[in-house]
C-alpha atoms as a PDB file:
ATOM      1  CA  MET A   1      56.571 -39.174 -23.329  1.00  0.00           C
ATOM      2  CA  LEU A   2      56.660 -37.727 -26.771  1.00  0.00           C
ATOM      3  CA  SER A   3      58.358 -39.034 -29.640  1.00  0.00           C
ATOM      4  CA  PRO A   4      60.524 -36.423 -31.706  1.00  0.00           C
ATOM      5  CA  SER A   5      58.771 -35.679 -34.986  1.00  0.00           C
ATOM      6  CA  THR A   6      60.131 -36.773 -38.048  1.00  0.00           C
ATOM      7  CA  TYR A   7      59.481 -33.399 -39.432  1.00  0.00           C
ATOM      8  CA  ALA A   8      59.270 -30.572 -36.923  1.00  0.00           C
ATOM      9  CA  GLU A   9      56.409 -28.221 -36.467  1.00  0.00           C
ATOM     10  CA  GLU A  10      56.235 -24.761 -35.280  1.00  0.00           C
ATOM     11  CA  VAL A  11      53.067 -24.139 -32.834  1.00  0.00           C
ATOM     12  CA  TYR A  12      52.101 -20.389 -32.424  1.00  0.00           C
ATOM     13  CA  ALA A  13      50.772 -19.808 -28.902  1.00  0.00           C
ATOM     14  CA  ALA A  14      49.205 -16.694 -27.565  1.00  0.00           C
ATOM     15  CA  VAL A  15      49.828 -16.907 -23.815  1.00  0.00           C
ATOM     16  CA  ALA A  16      48.736 -14.648 -20.986  1.00  0.00           C
ATOM     17  CA  SER A  17      51.248 -12.409 -19.678  1.00  0.00           C
ATOM     18  CA  ASN A  18      50.992 -13.716 -16.125  1.00  0.00           C
ATOM     19  CA  PHE A  19      52.024 -17.125 -17.194  1.00  0.00           C
ATOM     20  CA  THR A  20      55.150 -15.824 -18.956  1.00  0.00           C
ATOM     21  CA  ILE A  21      57.759 -17.514 -17.070  1.00  0.00           C
ATOM     22  CA  ALA A  22      56.027 -20.973 -16.428  1.00  0.00           C
ATOM     23  CA  MET A  23      55.283 -20.983 -19.995  1.00  0.00           C
ATOM     24  CA  LYS A  24      58.933 -20.606 -21.162  1.00  0.00           C
ATOM     25  CA  ASP A  25      59.781 -23.351 -18.920  1.00  0.00           C
ATOM     26  CA  ILE A  26      56.942 -25.770 -19.878  1.00  0.00           C
ATOM     27  CA  ALA A  27      57.785 -24.772 -23.664  1.00  0.00           C
ATOM     28  CA  LYS A  28      61.588 -25.499 -23.294  1.00  0.00           C
ATOM     29  CA  GLN A  29      60.718 -29.118 -21.946  1.00  0.00           C
ATOM     30  CA  TYR A  30      58.152 -29.603 -24.901  1.00  0.00           C
ATOM     31  CA  GLU A  31      60.659 -28.679 -27.338  1.00  0.00           C
ATOM     32  CA  GLU A  32      63.353 -30.899 -26.279  1.00  0.00           C
ATOM     33  CA  GLU A  33      60.849 -33.967 -25.791  1.00  0.00           C
ATOM     34  CA  SER A  34      58.985 -33.358 -29.203  1.00  0.00           C
ATOM     35  CA  GLY A  35      61.399 -31.665 -31.438  1.00  0.00           C
ATOM     36  CA  ASN A  36      59.109 -29.330 -32.159  1.00  0.00           C
ATOM     37  CA  LYS A  37      59.310 -25.621 -32.036  1.00  0.00           C
ATOM     38  CA  VAL A  38      56.971 -23.174 -29.713  1.00  0.00           C
ATOM     39  CA  VAL A  39      56.783 -19.462 -30.930  1.00  0.00           C
ATOM     40  CA  LEU A  40      55.299 -17.548 -27.939  1.00  0.00           C
ATOM     41  CA  SER A  41      53.380 -14.325 -27.758  1.00  0.00           C
ATOM     42  CA  PHE A  42      52.717 -12.611 -24.396  1.00  0.00           C
ATOM     43  CA  GLY A  43      50.197 -10.127 -23.382  1.00  0.00           C
ATOM     44  CA  SER A  44      46.509  -8.858 -22.574  1.00  0.00           C
ATOM     45  CA  SER A  45      44.080 -11.884 -22.578  1.00  0.00           C
ATOM     46  CA  GLY A  46      41.664  -9.154 -23.922  1.00  0.00           C
ATOM     47  CA  LYS A  47      44.073  -8.016 -26.706  1.00  0.00           C
ATOM     48  CA  PHE A  48      44.345 -11.652 -27.825  1.00  0.00           C
ATOM     49  CA  PHE A  49      40.910 -12.417 -27.925  1.00  0.00           C
ATOM     50  CA  ALA A  50      40.123  -9.499 -30.101  1.00  0.00           C
ATOM     51  CA  GLN A  51      43.269 -10.641 -32.453  1.00  0.00           C
ATOM     52  CA  ILE A  52      41.771 -13.913 -32.667  1.00  0.00           C
ATOM     53  CA  GLN A  53      38.399 -12.850 -33.520  1.00  0.00           C
ATOM     54  CA  ASN A  54      39.809 -10.670 -36.254  1.00  0.00           C
ATOM     55  CA  GLY A  55      41.614 -13.940 -37.746  1.00  0.00           C
ATOM     56  CA  ALA A  56      45.323 -13.613 -36.023  1.00  0.00           C
ATOM     57  CA  PRO A  57      47.231 -16.618 -36.975  1.00  0.00           C
ATOM     58  CA  PHE A  58      47.649 -18.413 -33.440  1.00  0.00           C
ATOM     59  CA  GLN A  59      46.852 -21.991 -32.905  1.00  0.00           C
ATOM     60  CA  VAL A  60      46.786 -22.302 -29.027  1.00  0.00           C
ATOM     61  CA  PHE A  61      45.431 -19.542 -26.678  1.00  0.00           C
ATOM     62  CA  LEU A  62      46.375 -19.885 -23.005  1.00  0.00           C
ATOM     63  CA  SER A  63      44.095 -17.157 -21.453  1.00  0.00           C
ATOM     64  CA  ALA A  64      44.201 -15.520 -17.903  1.00  0.00           C
ATOM     65  CA  ASP A  65      40.469 -16.174 -17.495  1.00  0.00           C
ATOM     66  CA  GLU A  66      37.669 -18.915 -18.526  1.00  0.00           C
ATOM     67  CA  ASN A  67      35.353 -16.200 -20.256  1.00  0.00           C
ATOM     68  CA  LYS A  68      37.112 -15.562 -23.347  1.00  0.00           C
ATOM     69  CA  PRO A  69      37.797 -19.026 -24.154  1.00  0.00           C
ATOM     70  CA  ASP A  70      34.094 -19.963 -23.604  1.00  0.00           C
ATOM     71  CA  ALA A  71      33.240 -17.154 -25.817  1.00  0.00           C
ATOM     72  CA  LEU A  72      35.538 -18.048 -28.622  1.00  0.00           C
ATOM     73  CA  GLU A  73      33.861 -21.790 -28.212  1.00  0.00           C
ATOM     74  CA  LYS A  74      30.535 -20.246 -28.642  1.00  0.00           C
ATOM     75  CA  ALA A  75      31.608 -18.432 -31.693  1.00  0.00           C
ATOM     76  CA  GLY A  76      32.851 -21.590 -33.214  1.00  0.00           C
ATOM     77  CA  LEU A  77      36.518 -20.458 -33.330  1.00  0.00           C
ATOM     78  CA  ILE A  78      38.094 -23.467 -31.263  1.00  0.00           C
ATOM     79  CA  VAL A  79      38.272 -27.455 -31.873  1.00  0.00           C
ATOM     80  CA  THR A  80      35.063 -28.592 -29.906  1.00  0.00           C
ATOM     81  CA  GLY A  81      36.100 -30.397 -26.737  1.00  0.00           C
ATOM     82  CA  THR A  82      39.573 -28.760 -26.302  1.00  0.00           C
ATOM     83  CA  ARG A  83      38.755 -26.317 -23.694  1.00  0.00           C
ATOM     84  CA  PHE A  84      40.219 -26.928 -20.122  1.00  0.00           C
ATOM     85  CA  THR A  85      41.509 -25.288 -17.015  1.00  0.00           C
ATOM     86  CA  TYR A  86      45.490 -25.359 -17.187  1.00  0.00           C
ATOM     87  CA  ALA A  87      45.967 -23.339 -14.263  1.00  0.00           C
ATOM     88  CA  ILE A  88      44.396 -21.448 -11.103  1.00  0.00           C
ATOM     89  CA  GLY A  89      45.993 -18.171 -10.344  1.00  0.00           C
ATOM     90  CA  ALA A  90      46.450 -16.244  -7.265  1.00  0.00           C
ATOM     91  CA  LEU A  91      46.766 -12.929  -6.313  1.00  0.00           C
ATOM     92  CA  ALA A  92      49.288 -11.178  -4.163  1.00  0.00           C
ATOM     93  CA  LEU A  93      49.810  -7.566  -2.863  1.00  0.00           C
ATOM     94  CA  TRP A  94      53.762  -7.071  -3.397  1.00  0.00           C
ATOM     95  CA  SER A  95      56.202  -4.286  -2.944  1.00  0.00           C
ATOM     96  CA  ALA A  96      59.868  -4.234  -4.261  1.00  0.00           C
ATOM     97  CA  LYS A  97      60.843  -3.134  -0.692  1.00  0.00           C
ATOM     98  CA  PRO A  98      61.580  -5.515   1.672  1.00  0.00           C
ATOM     99  CA  ASP A  99      59.493  -5.516   4.852  1.00  0.00           C
ATOM    100  CA  PHE A 100      57.111  -3.018   3.448  1.00  0.00           C
ATOM    101  CA  ILE A 101      54.467  -5.351   3.472  1.00  0.00           C
ATOM    102  CA  ASP A 102      53.989  -7.773   6.763  1.00  0.00           C
ATOM    103  CA  ASN A 103      51.877 -10.507   4.913  1.00  0.00           C
ATOM    104  CA  ASN A 104      48.781  -8.898   5.897  1.00  0.00           C
ATOM    105  CA  ASP A 105      46.359  -6.068   4.535  1.00  0.00           C
ATOM    106  CA  ALA A 106      47.598  -3.219   7.466  1.00  0.00           C
ATOM    107  CA  ARG A 107      49.597  -1.555   4.791  1.00  0.00           C
ATOM    108  CA  LEU A 108      46.837  -1.285   2.308  1.00  0.00           C
ATOM    109  CA  LYS A 109      44.496  -0.404   5.084  1.00  0.00           C
ATOM    110  CA  SER A 110      46.789   2.667   6.616  1.00  0.00           C
ATOM    111  CA  GLY A 111      46.978   4.349   3.211  1.00  0.00           C
ATOM    112  CA  ASP A 112      50.785   4.852   3.913  1.00  0.00           C
ATOM    113  CA  PHE A 113      51.778   4.463   0.343  1.00  0.00           C
ATOM    114  CA  ASN A 114      52.426   6.573  -2.604  1.00  0.00           C
ATOM    115  CA  LYS A 115      50.675   4.793  -5.467  1.00  0.00           C
ATOM    116  CA  LEU A 116      49.144   1.347  -5.966  1.00  0.00           C
ATOM    117  CA  ALA A 117      49.697  -0.719  -9.096  1.00  0.00           C
ATOM    118  CA  LEU A 118      46.680  -2.836 -10.573  1.00  0.00           C
ATOM    119  CA  ALA A 119      45.784  -4.384 -13.848  1.00  0.00           C
ATOM    120  CA  ASN A 120      43.088  -2.746 -15.814  1.00  0.00           C
ATOM    121  CA  PRO A 121      39.985  -4.834 -14.790  1.00  0.00           C
ATOM    122  CA  LYS A 122      38.626  -4.119 -18.573  1.00  0.00           C
ATOM    123  CA  LEU A 123      41.338  -6.061 -19.783  1.00  0.00           C
ATOM    124  CA  ALA A 124      42.785  -8.509 -17.238  1.00  0.00           C
ATOM    125  CA  PRO A 125      41.389 -10.903 -14.911  1.00  0.00           C
ATOM    126  CA  TYR A 126      43.718 -10.105 -12.346  1.00  0.00           C
ATOM    127  CA  GLY A 127      42.836  -6.624 -12.304  1.00  0.00           C
ATOM    128  CA  VAL A 128      39.060  -7.642 -11.659  1.00  0.00           C
ATOM    129  CA  ALA A 129      40.487  -9.575  -8.854  1.00  0.00           C
ATOM    130  CA  ALA A 130      42.218  -6.878  -7.449  1.00  0.00           C
ATOM    131  CA  THR A 131      39.229  -4.666  -7.559  1.00  0.00           C
ATOM    132  CA  GLU A 132      37.345  -7.476  -5.715  1.00  0.00           C
ATOM    133  CA  VAL A 133      39.831  -7.494  -3.158  1.00  0.00           C
ATOM    134  CA  LEU A 134      39.504  -3.746  -2.480  1.00  0.00           C
ATOM    135  CA  GLU A 135      35.663  -3.736  -2.717  1.00  0.00           C
ATOM    136  CA  GLU A 136      35.918  -6.910   0.139  1.00  0.00           C
ATOM    137  CA  LEU A 137      38.193  -4.507   2.280  1.00  0.00           C
ATOM    138  CA  GLY A 138      36.067  -1.457   1.997  1.00  0.00           C
ATOM    139  CA  LEU A 139      38.977   0.456   0.415  1.00  0.00           C
ATOM    140  CA  THR A 140      37.872   1.185  -3.351  1.00  0.00           C
ATOM    141  CA  GLU A 141      37.178   4.936  -2.898  1.00  0.00           C
ATOM    142  CA  SER A 142      39.838   5.828  -0.295  1.00  0.00           C
ATOM    143  CA  THR A 143      42.866   4.301  -2.492  1.00  0.00           C
ATOM    144  CA  LYS A 144      41.350   5.194  -6.157  1.00  0.00           C
ATOM    145  CA  SER A 145      43.090   8.388  -6.223  1.00  0.00           C
ATOM    146  CA  LYS A 146      46.482   6.213  -6.177  1.00  0.00           C
ATOM    147  CA  TRP A 147      45.424   3.627  -8.547  1.00  0.00           C
ATOM    148  CA  VAL A 148      48.084   2.968 -11.680  1.00  0.00           C
ATOM    149  CA  MET A 149      46.554   0.667 -14.188  1.00  0.00           C
ATOM    150  CA  GLY A 150      48.784  -1.292 -16.016  1.00  0.00           C
ATOM    151  CA  GLU A 151      47.564  -3.016 -19.635  1.00  0.00           C
ATOM    152  CA  ASN A 152      47.981  -6.225 -18.270  1.00  0.00           C
ATOM    153  CA  ILE A 153      49.647  -8.047 -15.478  1.00  0.00           C
ATOM    154  CA  SER A 154      53.430  -7.616 -16.658  1.00  0.00           C
ATOM    155  CA  GLN A 155      53.076  -3.874 -16.661  1.00  0.00           C
ATOM    156  CA  THR A 156      51.353  -3.710 -13.493  1.00  0.00           C
ATOM    157  CA  TYR A 157      54.411  -5.994 -11.814  1.00  0.00           C
ATOM    158  CA  GLN A 158      56.650  -3.324 -13.844  1.00  0.00           C
ATOM    159  CA  PHE A 159      55.295  -0.503 -12.131  1.00  0.00           C
ATOM    160  CA  ALA A 160      55.771  -2.123  -8.771  1.00  0.00           C
ATOM    161  CA  SER A 161      59.196  -3.573  -9.388  1.00  0.00           C
ATOM    162  CA  THR A 162      60.570  -0.329 -10.471  1.00  0.00           C
ATOM    163  CA  GLY A 163      59.373   1.667  -7.637  1.00  0.00           C
ATOM    164  CA  ASN A 164      56.898   3.687  -9.884  1.00  0.00           C
ATOM    165  CA  THR A 165      54.382   2.538  -7.112  1.00  0.00           C
ATOM    166  CA  ASP A 166      55.181   1.241  -3.521  1.00  0.00           C
ATOM    167  CA  LEU A 167      52.516  -1.418  -3.960  1.00  0.00           C
ATOM    168  CA  GLY A 168      51.019  -3.390  -6.588  1.00  0.00           C
ATOM    169  CA  PHE A 169      48.468  -6.287  -7.033  1.00  0.00           C
ATOM    170  CA  VAL A 170      50.498  -8.800  -8.950  1.00  0.00           C
ATOM    171  CA  ALA A 171      50.019 -12.402  -9.905  1.00  0.00           C
ATOM    172  CA  LEU A 172      51.752 -14.616  -7.286  1.00  0.00           C
ATOM    173  CA  SER A 173      53.739 -16.300  -9.991  1.00  0.00           C
ATOM    174  CA  GLN A 174      55.612 -13.220 -11.013  1.00  0.00           C
ATOM    175  CA  ILE A 175      57.191 -13.197  -7.471  1.00  0.00           C
ATOM    176  CA  MET A 176      57.744 -16.727  -6.842  1.00  0.00           C
ATOM    177  CA  SER A 177      60.980 -18.731  -7.854  1.00  0.00           C
ATOM    178  CA  GLU A 178      61.151 -22.498  -6.584  1.00  0.00           C
ATOM    179  CA  GLY A 179      58.000 -22.301  -4.604  1.00  0.00           C
ATOM    180  CA  ARG A 180      58.955 -19.282  -2.489  1.00  0.00           C
ATOM    181  CA  ILE A 181      58.752 -15.434  -2.556  1.00  0.00           C
ATOM    182  CA  ALA A 182      61.788 -14.293  -4.409  1.00  0.00           C
ATOM    183  CA  LYS A 183      62.263 -10.790  -3.199  1.00  0.00           C
ATOM    184  CA  GLY A 184      60.400  -7.726  -1.815  1.00  0.00           C
ATOM    185  CA  SER A 185      57.946  -7.994   0.528  1.00  0.00           C
ATOM    186  CA  SER A 186      54.171  -9.383   0.014  1.00  0.00           C
ATOM    187  CA  TRP A 187      50.599 -10.443   1.447  1.00  0.00           C
ATOM    188  CA  ILE A 188      49.423 -13.516  -0.455  1.00  0.00           C
ATOM    189  CA  ILE A 189      45.894 -12.840  -0.686  1.00  0.00           C
ATOM    190  CA  PRO A 190      43.141 -15.333   0.813  1.00  0.00           C
ATOM    191  CA  THR A 191      41.553 -16.869  -2.147  1.00  0.00           C
ATOM    192  CA  ASP A 192      38.071 -15.917  -0.558  1.00  0.00           C
ATOM    193  CA  GLN A 193      38.599 -12.333  -0.915  1.00  0.00           C
ATOM    194  CA  TYR A 194      38.076 -12.342  -4.745  1.00  0.00           C
ATOM    195  CA  SER A 195      36.432 -14.969  -7.552  1.00  0.00           C
ATOM    196  CA  PRO A 196      38.561 -17.899  -8.654  1.00  0.00           C
ATOM    197  CA  ILE A 197      41.019 -17.074 -11.564  1.00  0.00           C
ATOM    198  CA  ARG A 198      40.418 -19.999 -13.389  1.00  0.00           C
ATOM    199  CA  GLN A 199      42.889 -19.985 -16.675  1.00  0.00           C
ATOM    200  CA  ASP A 200      41.559 -21.835 -19.611  1.00  0.00           C
ATOM    201  CA  ALA A 201      43.651 -23.166 -22.516  1.00  0.00           C
ATOM    202  CA  VAL A 202      42.076 -24.114 -26.172  1.00  0.00           C
ATOM    203  CA  LEU A 203      42.739 -25.254 -29.336  1.00  0.00           C
ATOM    204  CA  LEU A 204      41.969 -23.110 -32.228  1.00  0.00           C
ATOM    205  CA  LYS A 205      40.220 -23.905 -35.503  1.00  0.00           C
ATOM    206  CA  SER A 206      43.494 -23.159 -37.448  1.00  0.00           C
ATOM    207  CA  ALA A 207      45.299 -25.910 -35.695  1.00  0.00           C
ATOM    208  CA  GLU A 208      42.668 -28.480 -36.364  1.00  0.00           C
ATOM    209  CA  ASN A 209      44.807 -30.631 -38.282  1.00  0.00           C
ATOM    210  CA  SER A 210      48.147 -29.697 -36.158  1.00  0.00           C
ATOM    211  CA  THR A 211      49.654 -32.560 -34.183  1.00  0.00           C
ATOM    212  CA  ALA A 212      52.217 -30.504 -32.582  1.00  0.00           C
ATOM    213  CA  ALA A 213      49.429 -27.889 -31.373  1.00  0.00           C
ATOM    214  CA  LYS A 214      47.544 -30.675 -29.846  1.00  0.00           C
ATOM    215  CA  GLU A 215      50.773 -32.567 -28.082  1.00  0.00           C
ATOM    216  CA  LEU A 216      51.410 -28.910 -26.665  1.00  0.00           C
ATOM    217  CA  LEU A 217      47.969 -28.686 -24.856  1.00  0.00           C
ATOM    218  CA  ASP A 218      48.249 -32.341 -23.967  1.00  0.00           C
ATOM    219  CA  TYR A 219      51.864 -31.661 -22.545  1.00  0.00           C
ATOM    220  CA  LEU A 220      50.302 -28.800 -20.348  1.00  0.00           C
ATOM    221  CA  ARG A 221      48.288 -31.463 -18.441  1.00  0.00           C
ATOM    222  CA  SER A 222      51.402 -33.750 -17.980  1.00  0.00           C
ATOM    223  CA  ASP A 223      52.791 -34.345 -14.533  1.00  0.00           C
ATOM    224  CA  LYS A 224      55.883 -32.363 -15.526  1.00  0.00           C
ATOM    225  CA  ALA A 225      54.300 -29.439 -16.626  1.00  0.00           C
ATOM    226  CA  ARG A 226      51.956 -29.344 -13.652  1.00  0.00           C
ATOM    227  CA  SER A 227      54.954 -29.402 -11.487  1.00  0.00           C
ATOM    228  CA  ILE A 228      56.411 -26.353 -12.936  1.00  0.00           C
ATOM    229  CA  ILE A 229      52.780 -24.905 -13.091  1.00  0.00           C
ATOM    230  CA  HIS A 230      52.774 -25.677  -8.988  1.00  0.00           C
ATOM    231  CA  SER A 231      56.154 -24.064  -8.625  1.00  0.00           C
ATOM    232  CA  TYR A 232      55.084 -20.759  -9.449  1.00  0.00           C
ATOM    233  CA  GLY A 233      51.916 -20.591  -7.169  1.00  0.00           C
ATOM    234  CA  TYR A 234      49.552 -21.987  -9.309  1.00  0.00           C
ATOM    235  CA  LYS A 235      46.855 -24.869  -8.606  1.00  0.00           C
ATOM    236  CA  THR A 236      45.694 -27.266 -11.278  1.00  0.00           C
ATOM    237  CA  GLU A 237      42.581 -29.637 -11.057  1.00  0.00           C
END
């Protein structure tokens, strides 16, 4: 349990876009229990990584992968010993159309779709996972002409949800609500078809003396936060 601070602090957190809904829920609970305020910025982990290297005033970074936090640690830009995996992501093939996907790869293999949305693998770990799945299925070359790339997983979901693409490789968390697929149709991709999406969090050097920032990261590991994380289809260690 957190004790409300006598003097409320603000915590500036850069959060991978796939974790948007879950983090909003977690931050709300943290604010209610601590009295502190969390200022959330959501976007591409690759862009946040570059911004942090250039001195952006974030205090906490929740990445969509483990590589960028590791690189920041090696560069001396985080508080030593604060890096941990807060969530392990899952990938899904999704369509806004009900019954378009029958919880398998048949639609993808048939080629009977207009466009396929995926996150840019140069910027987004979920994009890397999507390309690994296509490679595993032997569909890279046959589908490439239909790819529509999003800058991050949020933009990728937008392409699919608006019908601009029939299909999209999205984060499972984006299509889940209360532990079930909220709408449309999907194939929850077996995790042996792509590399584990380990999402790491770090306390940045600028927050070395921030009690609130440290408490927020501790809260991410609490049972209450983990319950929220699991409800959106993530796993935790």
